[in-house]
C-alpha atoms as a PDB file:
ATOM      1  CA  MET A   1     -52.413  53.909 -67.262  1.00  0.00           C
ATOM      2  CA  PRO A   2     -50.685  55.154 -63.972  1.00  0.00           C
ATOM      3  CA  GLU A   3     -52.163  58.256 -62.748  1.00  0.00           C
ATOM      4  CA  THR A   4     -54.069  59.754 -60.049  1.00  0.00           C
ATOM      5  CA  TYR A   5     -57.701  59.009 -60.132  1.00  0.00           C
ATOM      6  CA  HIS A   6     -60.315  60.280 -58.042  1.00  0.00           C
ATOM      7  CA  TYR A   7     -63.306  57.838 -56.628  1.00  0.00           C
ATOM      8  CA  HIS A   8     -66.142  57.732 -54.591  1.00  0.00           C
ATOM      9  CA  TYR A   9     -66.565  55.119 -52.005  1.00  0.00           C
ATOM     10  CA  GLY A  10     -68.056  52.065 -53.249  1.00  0.00           C
ATOM     11  CA  VAL A  11     -66.938  52.518 -56.856  1.00  0.00           C
ATOM     12  CA  LYS A  12     -67.138  48.901 -58.673  1.00  0.00           C
ATOM     13  CA  LYS A  13     -63.389  47.386 -60.107  1.00  0.00           C
ATOM     14  CA  LYS A  14     -64.584  46.880 -63.232  1.00  0.00           C
ATOM     15  CA  GLU A  15     -65.241  50.986 -63.424  1.00  0.00           C
ATOM     16  CA  ILE A  16     -62.026  51.821 -62.227  1.00  0.00           C
ATOM     17  CA  PHE A  17     -60.186  49.400 -64.774  1.00  0.00           C
ATOM     18  CA  ASN A  18     -62.698  51.158 -67.476  1.00  0.00           C
ATOM     19  CA  ARG A  19     -61.160  54.594 -66.642  1.00  0.00           C
ATOM     20  CA  ILE A  20     -57.721  53.383 -66.730  1.00  0.00           C
ATOM     21  CA  LYS A  21     -58.178  51.997 -70.278  1.00  0.00           C
ATOM     22  CA  GLU A  22     -59.891  54.810 -71.510  1.00  0.00           C
ATOM     23  CA  SER A  23     -57.501  56.910 -70.198  1.00  0.00           C
ATOM     24  CA  MET A  24     -54.562  54.943 -71.875  1.00  0.00           C
ATOM     25  CA  ALA A  25     -56.488  55.052 -75.118  1.00  0.00           C
ATOM     26  CA  THR A  26     -57.010  58.596 -75.215  1.00  0.00           C
ATOM     27  CA  TYR A  27     -53.264  59.556 -74.092  1.00  0.00           C
ATOM     28  CA  ILE A  28     -51.975  57.189 -77.186  1.00  0.00           C
ATOM     29  CA  ASP A  29     -54.465  58.647 -79.681  1.00  0.00           C
ATOM     30  CA  THR A  30     -53.327  62.126 -78.581  1.00  0.00           C
ATOM     31  CA  VAL A  31     -49.676  61.368 -79.335  1.00  0.00           C
ATOM     32  CA  TRP A  32     -50.202  58.695 -82.028  1.00  0.00           C
ATOM     33  CA  ASP A  33     -49.597  61.349 -84.873  1.00  0.00           C
ATOM     34  CA  LYS A  34     -46.160  62.804 -83.173  1.00  0.00           C
ATOM     35  CA  ARG A  35     -44.387  59.478 -83.605  1.00  0.00           C
ATOM     36  CA  VAL A  36     -41.013  58.931 -85.562  1.00  0.00           C
ATOM     37  CA  SER A  37     -41.193  57.251 -89.165  1.00  0.00           C
ATOM     38  CA  ASN A  38     -39.815  53.263 -89.380  1.00  0.00           C
ATOM     39  CA  LEU A  39     -41.156  52.259 -86.279  1.00  0.00           C
ATOM     40  CA  PRO A  40     -41.522  48.602 -86.519  1.00  0.00           C
ATOM     41  CA  PHE A  41     -45.361  48.162 -85.229  1.00  0.00           C
ATOM     42  CA  THR A  42     -47.939  49.772 -87.280  1.00  0.00           C
ATOM     43  CA  THR A  43     -50.932  49.404 -84.473  1.00  0.00           C
ATOM     44  CA  LYS A  44     -51.714  51.627 -81.178  1.00  0.00           C
ATOM     45  CA  GLU A  45     -52.194  48.074 -79.353  1.00  0.00           C
ATOM     46  CA  GLU A  46     -48.644  47.061 -80.269  1.00  0.00           C
ATOM     47  CA  ALA A  47     -47.413  50.345 -79.136  1.00  0.00           C
ATOM     48  CA  LEU A  48     -48.873  49.800 -75.796  1.00  0.00           C
ATOM     49  CA  THR A  49     -47.215  46.175 -75.513  1.00  0.00           C
ATOM     50  CA  LEU A  50     -43.801  47.167 -76.032  1.00  0.00           C
ATOM     51  CA  ALA A  51     -44.436  50.606 -74.013  1.00  0.00           C
ATOM     52  CA  SER A  52     -45.415  47.857 -71.157  1.00  0.00           C
ATOM     53  CA  ILE A  53     -42.152  46.122 -71.945  1.00  0.00           C
ATOM     54  CA  VAL A  54     -40.176  48.843 -71.154  1.00  0.00           C
ATOM     55  CA  GLU A  55     -41.757  49.793 -67.986  1.00  0.00           C
ATOM     56  CA  ARG A  56     -41.623  46.872 -66.601  1.00  0.00           C
ATOM     57  CA  GLU A  57     -37.610  46.645 -67.876  1.00  0.00           C
ATOM     58  CA  THR A  58     -36.442  49.631 -65.748  1.00  0.00           C
ATOM     59  CA  SER A  59     -37.525  51.670 -62.761  1.00  0.00           C
ATOM     60  CA  ILE A  60     -35.709  55.058 -63.872  1.00  0.00           C
ATOM     61  CA  PRO A  61     -37.894  56.668 -66.424  1.00  0.00           C
ATOM     62  CA  SER A  62     -34.999  58.446 -67.808  1.00  0.00           C
ATOM     63  CA  GLU A  63     -33.822  54.987 -69.559  1.00  0.00           C
ATOM     64  CA  TYR A  64     -37.146  54.308 -71.016  1.00  0.00           C
ATOM     65  CA  PRO A  65     -35.436  55.724 -74.659  1.00  0.00           C
ATOM     66  CA  GLU A  66     -32.655  53.895 -74.614  1.00  0.00           C
ATOM     67  CA  VAL A  67     -34.595  50.367 -73.424  1.00  0.00           C
ATOM     68  CA  ALA A  68     -37.023  51.260 -76.115  1.00  0.00           C
ATOM     69  CA  SER A  69     -34.389  51.496 -78.758  1.00  0.00           C
ATOM     70  CA  VAL A  70     -32.872  48.553 -77.794  1.00  0.00           C
ATOM     71  CA  TYR A  71     -35.928  46.565 -78.444  1.00  0.00           C
ATOM     72  CA  ILE A  72     -37.178  48.403 -81.472  1.00  0.00           C
ATOM     73  CA  ASN A  73     -33.430  47.757 -83.081  1.00  0.00           C
ATOM     74  CA  ARG A  74     -34.174  44.371 -82.079  1.00  0.00           C
ATOM     75  CA  LEU A  75     -37.681  44.254 -83.902  1.00  0.00           C
ATOM     76  CA  LYS A  76     -36.162  45.832 -87.005  1.00  0.00           C
ATOM     77  CA  ILE A  77     -33.446  42.928 -87.918  1.00  0.00           C
ATOM     78  CA  ASP A  78     -36.066  39.969 -86.555  1.00  0.00           C
ATOM     79  CA  MET A  79     -34.060  39.603 -83.365  1.00  0.00           C
ATOM     80  CA  LYS A  80     -35.909  37.666 -80.337  1.00  0.00           C
ATOM     81  CA  LEU A  81     -36.344  40.610 -77.588  1.00  0.00           C
ATOM     82  CA  GLN A  82     -35.900  38.406 -74.940  1.00  0.00           C
ATOM     83  CA  ALA A  83     -37.231  40.749 -72.231  1.00  0.00           C
ATOM     84  CA  ASP A  84     -37.150  38.817 -68.592  1.00  0.00           C
ATOM     85  CA  PRO A  85     -40.280  40.939 -67.644  1.00  0.00           C
ATOM     86  CA  THR A  86     -42.274  39.186 -70.379  1.00  0.00           C
ATOM     87  CA  VAL A  87     -41.085  35.797 -68.957  1.00  0.00           C
ATOM     88  CA  ILE A  88     -42.053  36.840 -65.262  1.00  0.00           C
ATOM     89  CA  TYR A  89     -45.775  37.552 -66.873  1.00  0.00           C
ATOM     90  CA  ALA A  90     -45.876  34.162 -68.493  1.00  0.00           C
ATOM     91  CA  VAL A  91     -44.247  32.120 -65.360  1.00  0.00           C
ATOM     92  CA  SER A  92     -46.534  34.119 -62.707  1.00  0.00           C
ATOM     93  CA  ASN A  93     -49.986  33.429 -64.690  1.00  0.00           C
ATOM     94  CA  GLY A  94     -50.392  36.967 -65.512  1.00  0.00           C
ATOM     95  CA  THR A  95     -49.768  38.225 -61.963  1.00  0.00           C
ATOM     96  CA  ALA A  96     -46.177  39.805 -62.972  1.00  0.00           C
ATOM     97  CA  VAL A  97     -45.042  39.096 -59.612  1.00  0.00           C
ATOM     98  CA  LEU A  98     -42.193  36.506 -58.955  1.00  0.00           C
ATOM     99  CA  ASN A  99     -40.571  36.198 -55.773  1.00  0.00           C
ATOM    100  CA  ARG A 100     -37.312  34.626 -57.026  1.00  0.00           C
ATOM    101  CA  LEU A 101     -34.707  34.921 -59.807  1.00  0.00           C
ATOM    102  CA  LEU A 102     -35.577  33.577 -63.280  1.00  0.00           C
ATOM    103  CA  THR A 103     -34.161  30.349 -63.826  1.00  0.00           C
ATOM    104  CA  LEU A 104     -32.996  28.820 -67.389  1.00  0.00           C
ATOM    105  CA  ALA A 105     -36.115  26.720 -67.250  1.00  0.00           C
ATOM    106  CA  ASP A 106     -38.092  29.801 -66.843  1.00  0.00           C
ATOM    107  CA  LEU A 107     -36.420  30.964 -70.568  1.00  0.00           C
ATOM    108  CA  LYS A 108     -37.619  27.758 -72.089  1.00  0.00           C
ATOM    109  CA  ILE A 109     -41.418  27.579 -70.924  1.00  0.00           C
ATOM    110  CA  ASP A 110     -43.717  27.396 -73.941  1.00  0.00           C
ATOM    111  CA  ASN A 111     -46.199  30.161 -73.449  1.00  0.00           C
ATOM    112  CA  PRO A 112     -46.949  33.142 -75.836  1.00  0.00           C
ATOM    113  CA  TYR A 113     -45.659  35.597 -73.799  1.00  0.00           C
ATOM    114  CA  ASN A 114     -42.066  34.253 -73.603  1.00  0.00           C
ATOM    115  CA  THR A 115     -39.941  36.384 -75.905  1.00  0.00           C
ATOM    116  CA  TYR A 116     -36.961  34.406 -75.282  1.00  0.00           C
ATOM    117  CA  VAL A 117     -38.782  31.695 -77.543  1.00  0.00           C
ATOM    118  CA  ASN A 118     -41.253  33.748 -79.837  1.00  0.00           C
ATOM    119  CA  LYS A 119     -40.082  36.453 -81.788  1.00  0.00           C
ATOM    120  CA  GLY A 120     -41.859  39.650 -82.099  1.00  0.00           C
ATOM    121  CA  LEU A 121     -44.068  41.168 -79.530  1.00  0.00           C
ATOM    122  CA  PRO A 122     -46.384  39.278 -76.838  1.00  0.00           C
ATOM    123  CA  PRO A 123     -49.855  38.914 -77.670  1.00  0.00           C
ATOM    124  CA  SER A 124     -51.076  41.885 -75.391  1.00  0.00           C
ATOM    125  CA  PRO A 125     -49.703  44.510 -72.704  1.00  0.00           C
ATOM    126  CA  ILE A 126     -47.947  42.841 -69.692  1.00  0.00           C
ATOM    127  CA  CYS A 127     -48.976  45.942 -67.757  1.00  0.00           C
ATOM    128  CA  ASN A 128     -50.616  49.112 -67.857  1.00  0.00           C
ATOM    129  CA  PRO A 129     -47.633  51.539 -69.235  1.00  0.00           C
ATOM    130  CA  GLY A 130     -47.366  55.312 -67.962  1.00  0.00           C
ATOM    131  CA  LYS A 131     -47.208  58.258 -70.124  1.00  0.00           C
ATOM    132  CA  LYS A 132     -43.204  58.455 -70.314  1.00  0.00           C
ATOM    133  CA  ALA A 133     -42.901  54.719 -71.290  1.00  0.00           C
ATOM    134  CA  ILE A 134     -45.497  55.483 -74.337  1.00  0.00           C
ATOM    135  CA  ASP A 135     -43.777  58.425 -75.314  1.00  0.00           C
ATOM    136  CA  ALA A 136     -40.146  56.695 -75.352  1.00  0.00           C
ATOM    137  CA  VAL A 137     -41.707  53.780 -77.479  1.00  0.00           C
ATOM    138  CA  LEU A 138     -43.166  56.403 -80.202  1.00  0.00           C
ATOM    139  CA  ASN A 139     -40.008  58.399 -80.468  1.00  0.00           C
ATOM    140  CA  PRO A 140     -36.963  56.159 -79.249  1.00  0.00           C
ATOM    141  CA  ALA A 141     -33.936  57.395 -78.590  1.00  0.00           C
ATOM    142  CA  GLU A 142     -31.528  57.307 -81.753  1.00  0.00           C
ATOM    143  CA  THR A 143     -29.117  54.214 -81.103  1.00  0.00           C
ATOM    144  CA  GLU A 144     -27.462  51.236 -82.677  1.00  0.00           C
ATOM    145  CA  TYR A 145     -28.028  49.300 -79.041  1.00  0.00           C
ATOM    146  CA  LEU A 146     -29.047  45.991 -79.199  1.00  0.00           C
ATOM    147  CA  PHE A 147     -28.006  44.899 -75.537  1.00  0.00           C
ATOM    148  CA  PHE A 148     -28.189  46.118 -72.062  1.00  0.00           C
ATOM    149  CA  VAL A 149     -27.507  44.852 -68.345  1.00  0.00           C
ATOM    150  CA  ALA A 150     -27.742  45.973 -64.908  1.00  0.00           C
ATOM    151  CA  ASP A 151     -24.865  47.881 -63.695  1.00  0.00           C
ATOM    152  CA  GLY A 152     -24.894  47.710 -60.199  1.00  0.00           C
ATOM    153  CA  THR A 153     -26.105  50.896 -59.300  1.00  0.00           C
ATOM    154  CA  GLY A 154     -29.997  50.359 -60.070  1.00  0.00           C
ATOM    155  CA  GLY A 155     -29.599  51.537 -63.723  1.00  0.00           C
ATOM    156  CA  HIS A 156     -28.253  49.606 -66.950  1.00  0.00           C
ATOM    157  CA  VAL A 157     -25.182  49.837 -69.359  1.00  0.00           C
ATOM    158  CA  PHE A 158     -26.041  49.373 -72.958  1.00  0.00           C
ATOM    159  CA  THR A 159     -23.940  47.867 -76.056  1.00  0.00           C
ATOM    160  CA  LYS A 160     -23.972  47.523 -79.654  1.00  0.00           C
ATOM    161  CA  ASN A 161     -22.571  43.985 -79.747  1.00  0.00           C
ATOM    162  CA  TYR A 162     -22.943  40.821 -77.884  1.00  0.00           C
ATOM    163  CA  LYS A 163     -18.806  40.777 -77.517  1.00  0.00           C
ATOM    164  CA  ASP A 164     -18.920  44.145 -75.367  1.00  0.00           C
ATOM    165  CA  HIS A 165     -22.175  42.829 -73.701  1.00  0.00           C
ATOM    166  CA  SER A 166     -20.694  39.579 -72.626  1.00  0.00           C
ATOM    167  CA  LYS A 167     -17.968  41.850 -70.914  1.00  0.00           C
ATOM    168  CA  LYS A 168     -20.705  44.070 -69.208  1.00  0.00           C
ATOM    169  CA  VAL A 169     -22.299  40.571 -67.785  1.00  0.00           C
ATOM    170  CA  SER A 170     -19.164  39.496 -66.539  1.00  0.00           C
ATOM    171  CA  GLU A 171     -18.861  42.957 -64.687  1.00  0.00           C
ATOM    172  CA  TRP A 172     -22.361  42.514 -63.227  1.00  0.00           C
ATOM    173  CA  ARG A 173     -21.801  38.982 -62.026  1.00  0.00           C
ATOM    174  CA  LYS A 174     -18.435  40.152 -60.198  1.00  0.00           C
ATOM    175  CA  ILE A 175     -20.670  43.047 -58.793  1.00  0.00           C
ATOM    176  CA  ASN A 176     -23.645  40.904 -57.676  1.00  0.00           C
ATOM    177  CA  LYS A 177     -21.206  37.817 -56.166  1.00  0.00           C
ATOM    178  CA  LYS A 178     -19.700  40.704 -53.792  1.00  0.00           C
ATOM    179  CA  TYR A 179     -23.179  42.029 -52.841  1.00  0.00           C
ATOM    180  CA  ARG A 180     -24.474  38.987 -51.883  1.00  0.00           C
ATOM    181  CA  ALA A 181     -21.160  37.888 -49.968  1.00  0.00           C
ATOM    182  CA  SER A 182     -21.543  41.107 -48.092  1.00  0.00           C
ATOM    183  CA  LYS A 183     -24.957  40.651 -47.394  1.00  0.00           C
ATOM    184  CA  LYS A 184     -24.447  37.275 -46.236  1.00  0.00           C
ATOM    185  CA  ASN A 185     -21.682  38.182 -43.732  1.00  0.00           C
ATOM    186  CA  SER A 186     -23.783  40.959 -42.363  1.00  0.00           C
ATOM    187  CA  SER A 187     -26.664  38.579 -41.516  1.00  0.00           C
ATOM    188  CA  LYS A 188     -24.284  36.315 -39.497  1.00  0.00           C
ATOM    189  CA  GLU A 189     -24.792  36.721 -35.562  1.00  0.00           C
ATOM    190  CA  PRO A 190     -21.965  36.060 -33.011  1.00  0.00           C
ATOM    191  CA  THR A 191     -22.199  32.468 -31.224  1.00  0.00           C
ATOM    192  CA  ILE A 192     -22.280  31.986 -27.731  1.00  0.00           C
ATOM    193  CA  ASN A 193     -20.469  28.824 -26.598  1.00  0.00           C
ATOM    194  CA  LYS A 194     -21.752  26.762 -23.517  1.00  0.00           C
ATOM    195  CA  ASN A 195     -20.310  27.782 -20.142  1.00  0.00           C
ATOM    196  CA  LYS A 196     -17.701  29.801 -22.094  1.00  0.00           C
ATOM    197  CA  LYS A 197     -17.345  33.556 -22.056  1.00  0.00           C
ATOM    198  CA  SER A 198     -17.731  35.181 -25.462  1.00  0.00           C
ATOM    199  CA  THR A 199     -17.086  38.919 -26.125  1.00  0.00           C
ATOM    200  CA  VAL A 200     -18.832  40.805 -28.622  1.00  0.00           C
ATOM    201  CA  LYS A 201     -17.597  44.206 -29.904  1.00  0.00           C
ATOM    202  CA  SER A 202     -19.687  47.187 -30.603  1.00  0.00           C
ATOM    203  CA  ASN A 203     -18.000  50.572 -31.488  1.00  0.00           C
ATOM    204  CA  LYS A 204     -16.345  51.841 -28.158  1.00  0.00           C
ATOM    205  CA  LYS A 205     -17.985  49.287 -25.711  1.00  0.00           C
ATOM    206  CA  ASN A 206     -17.261  45.646 -24.811  1.00  0.00           C
ATOM    207  CA  VAL A 207     -20.131  43.280 -23.999  1.00  0.00           C
ATOM    208  CA  ILE A 208     -19.200  40.487 -22.020  1.00  0.00           C
ATOM    209  CA  ILE A 209     -21.948  37.833 -21.837  1.00  0.00           C
ATOM    210  CA  LYS A 210     -21.771  35.323 -18.943  1.00  0.00           C
ATOM    211  CA  ASP A 211     -23.418  31.757 -18.855  1.00  0.00           C
ATOM    212  CA  GLU A 212     -25.146  29.874 -21.281  1.00  0.00           C
ATOM    213  CA  LYS A 213     -28.998  30.970 -20.082  1.00  0.00           C
ATOM    214  CA  ILE A 214     -27.126  34.556 -20.151  1.00  0.00           C
ATOM    215  CA  ASN A 215     -28.166  35.475 -16.638  1.00  0.00           C
ATOM    216  CA  LYS A 216     -26.100  38.411 -16.083  1.00  0.00           C
ATOM    217  CA  VAL A 217     -24.480  40.857 -18.766  1.00  0.00           C
ATOM    218  CA  GLU A 218     -21.742  43.388 -17.719  1.00  0.00           C
ATOM    219  CA  VAL A 219     -20.892  46.347 -19.962  1.00  0.00           C
ATOM    220  CA  LYS A 220     -17.467  47.701 -20.036  1.00  0.00           C
ATOM    221  CA  LYS A 221     -16.751  51.308 -21.185  1.00  0.00           C
END
């Protein structure tokens, strides 16, 4: 479980992992009896598995209860979780690190951790969930949400039906398209034509670059 741990130099990795695992087990034992009723899972392992998905789904802890509610609502109606973090875990062979965007082919991969293909929870946690994620799963927000999508600010927009979700997805795509375009334009550099003067403006100064080999640079105020 994500926490601050103190170790002596030379400690073995196995000891570190065992302590983290014990800490997580101890915490869920403490809060298990405080969970709300009618949750769509019955074991602590299942709770930790769902909490791990919530942990990976958003970097904003205040959203954990809402994200948890979406997945719990889906489980209750036998709807696929369709959680991107589970696909990333599957595609990356358990490293949960994927330095690219997911593709449609990724969503169809035959893997027990792919919740776009398989109903219910994956076989085991995809990360070590923290206390807030565990709390959110055991005591989720009371909502009717079934969908959520990025809002362009780092957070998410939650919706109850697919029609509203589709609208929010379209809005997100427009935001993402503008962001990519602005990023692409900002990365462009001025070109220098051979044997021609090229003027580059920077705030209140004009920099005149002369000659192909840039032998001389004159700065005019």
